[in-house]
Amino acid sequence: MKKIEAIVRPEQLNDVRKALVEIGHRSMINFDILYRGIENEIGQHHSNSSSPLYDFTPKVKIELIVSDESVQKIVDAICDSAYTGHIGDGKIFIMPAEMAIRIQTKETGDMVC
């Protein structure tokens, strides 16, 4: 199992969710977050300085637990649906997930995803 964390533009969230549902993945968590990447997403100038101020921008973080076999299909769906072609489209992180347990039935493993 893998944990996928995707940070995307808030206005792309519905497109991402639709794309995931279309490939059969309905389970996800999303959070409204503030994010600052390495790109110069916002270039504002302080009134006292000529150097730009780079600030946080609103983003949405989506978390999914998926089977190893589903990772590439899900990553492709997120990339295709979140893409605008501009700086700040987002990032995807993939990490191992050691175990999942459904509390109600105590089932474990991939069947919980």
Protein backbone atom coordinates (compact mmCIF):
# COMPACT_ATOMS: atom_id res chain seq x y z
CA MET A 1 0.00 0.00 0.00
CA LYS A 2 1.01 3.59 -0.61
CA LYS A 3 -0.07 6.94 0.76
CA ILE A 4 -0.42 9.61 -1.91
CA GLU A 5 -0.46 13.27 -0.88
CA ALA A 6 -1.32 15.73 -3.63
CA ILE A 7 -1.25 19.50 -3.26
CA VAL A 8 -3.38 21.18 -5.94
CA ARG A 9 -5.07 24.47 -6.74
CA PRO A 10 -8.45 24.82 -4.95
CA GLU A 11 -10.20 25.53 -8.25
CA GLN A 12 -8.96 22.17 -9.61
CA LEU A 13 -10.31 20.08 -6.71
CA ASN A 14 -13.60 19.12 -8.38
CA ASP A 15 -11.79 18.10 -11.56
CA VAL A 16 -9.37 15.96 -9.53
CA ARG A 17 -12.19 14.32 -7.57
CA LYS A 18 -14.13 13.57 -10.76
CA ALA A 19 -11.04 12.06 -12.39
CA LEU A 20 -10.41 9.82 -9.38
CA VAL A 21 -14.04 8.66 -9.28
CA GLU A 22 -13.90 7.90 -13.03
CA ILE A 23 -11.00 5.48 -12.47
CA GLY A 24 -12.81 3.88 -9.52
CA HIS A 25 -11.12 5.56 -6.56
CA ARG A 26 -13.67 7.26 -4.30
CA SER A 27 -11.91 7.27 -0.92
CA MET A 28 -9.92 10.41 -0.11
CA ILE A 29 -9.40 13.13 2.48
CA ASN A 30 -8.92 16.76 1.58
CA PHE A 31 -7.71 19.72 3.60
CA ASP A 32 -7.67 23.43 2.85
CA ILE A 33 -4.08 24.53 3.42
CA LEU A 34 -1.73 27.45 2.85
CA TYR A 35 1.36 26.49 0.89
CA ARG A 36 4.54 28.09 -0.32
CA GLY A 37 6.59 26.23 -2.88
CA ILE A 38 10.04 26.94 -4.21
CA GLU A 39 8.65 28.85 -7.17
CA ASN A 40 8.02 32.58 -6.98
CA GLU A 41 4.26 32.18 -6.97
CA ILE A 42 3.46 35.61 -5.54
CA GLY A 43 5.75 38.53 -6.14
CA GLN A 44 4.75 41.48 -3.96
CA HIS A 45 7.07 44.28 -3.02
CA HIS A 46 7.42 45.71 0.46
CA SER A 47 6.93 49.45 0.48
CA ASN A 48 10.33 49.82 2.21
CA SER A 49 12.26 47.42 0.02
CA SER A 50 12.79 46.52 -3.60
CA SER A 51 13.01 42.79 -2.78
CA PRO A 52 9.86 40.77 -3.43
CA LEU A 53 7.87 39.15 -0.62
CA TYR A 54 6.85 35.56 -1.32
CA ASP A 55 3.81 34.56 0.62
CA PHE A 56 1.64 31.52 1.17
CA THR A 57 -1.12 30.70 -1.31
CA PRO A 58 -4.33 28.74 -0.72
CA LYS A 59 -4.10 25.13 -1.88
CA VAL A 60 -5.92 21.87 -1.25
CA LYS A 61 -4.12 18.80 0.06
CA ILE A 62 -5.62 15.45 -0.93
CA GLU A 63 -4.59 12.26 0.86
CA LEU A 64 -5.28 8.76 -0.46
CA ILE A 65 -4.27 5.26 0.60
CA VAL A 66 -4.06 3.01 -2.45
CA SER A 67 -2.82 -0.40 -3.50
CA ASP A 68 0.65 -0.54 -5.05
CA GLU A 69 -0.89 -1.51 -8.40
CA SER A 70 -3.10 1.63 -8.48
CA VAL A 71 -0.40 4.23 -7.84
CA GLN A 72 0.53 5.12 -11.43
CA LYS A 73 -3.08 5.26 -12.63
CA ILE A 74 -3.99 7.59 -9.73
CA VAL A 75 -0.92 9.79 -10.21
CA ASP A 76 -1.74 10.13 -13.91
CA ALA A 77 -5.36 11.06 -13.13
CA ILE A 78 -4.27 13.72 -10.62
CA CYS A 79 -1.63 15.16 -12.96
CA ASP A 80 -4.02 15.34 -15.91
CA SER A 81 -6.91 16.87 -13.96
CA ALA A 82 -4.88 19.35 -11.85
CA TYR A 83 -2.77 20.67 -14.74
CA THR A 84 -3.22 24.30 -15.81
CA GLY A 85 0.25 24.87 -17.23
CA HIS A 86 1.10 27.63 -14.77
CA ILE A 87 3.48 27.86 -11.83
CA GLY A 88 1.75 26.53 -8.72
CA ASP A 89 -0.14 23.63 -10.29
CA GLY A 90 0.92 21.48 -7.34
CA LYS A 91 2.97 18.50 -6.25
CA ILE A 92 2.44 14.82 -5.50
CA PHE A 93 4.23 12.85 -2.79
CA ILE A 94 4.14 9.04 -2.54
CA MET A 95 5.05 7.21 0.66
CA PRO A 96 4.79 3.64 1.87
CA ALA A 97 1.81 2.82 4.10
CA GLU A 98 2.63 -0.11 6.35
CA MET A 99 -0.85 -1.13 7.41
CA ALA A 100 -4.50 -0.10 7.23
CA ILE A 101 -7.19 -1.34 9.61
CA ARG A 102 -10.94 -0.85 9.19
CA ILE A 103 -12.15 -0.17 12.73
CA GLN A 104 -15.67 -1.58 12.24
CA THR A 105 -14.60 -5.03 11.00
CA LYS A 106 -10.90 -5.07 11.92
CA GLU A 107 -10.07 -6.00 8.31
CA THR A 108 -6.49 -5.20 7.37
CA GLY A 109 -4.41 -4.64 4.28
CA ASP A 110 -5.38 -3.65 0.75
CA MET A 111 -9.05 -4.54 1.25
CA VAL A 112 -9.33 -1.50 3.53
CA CYS A 113 -8.33 0.90 0.72
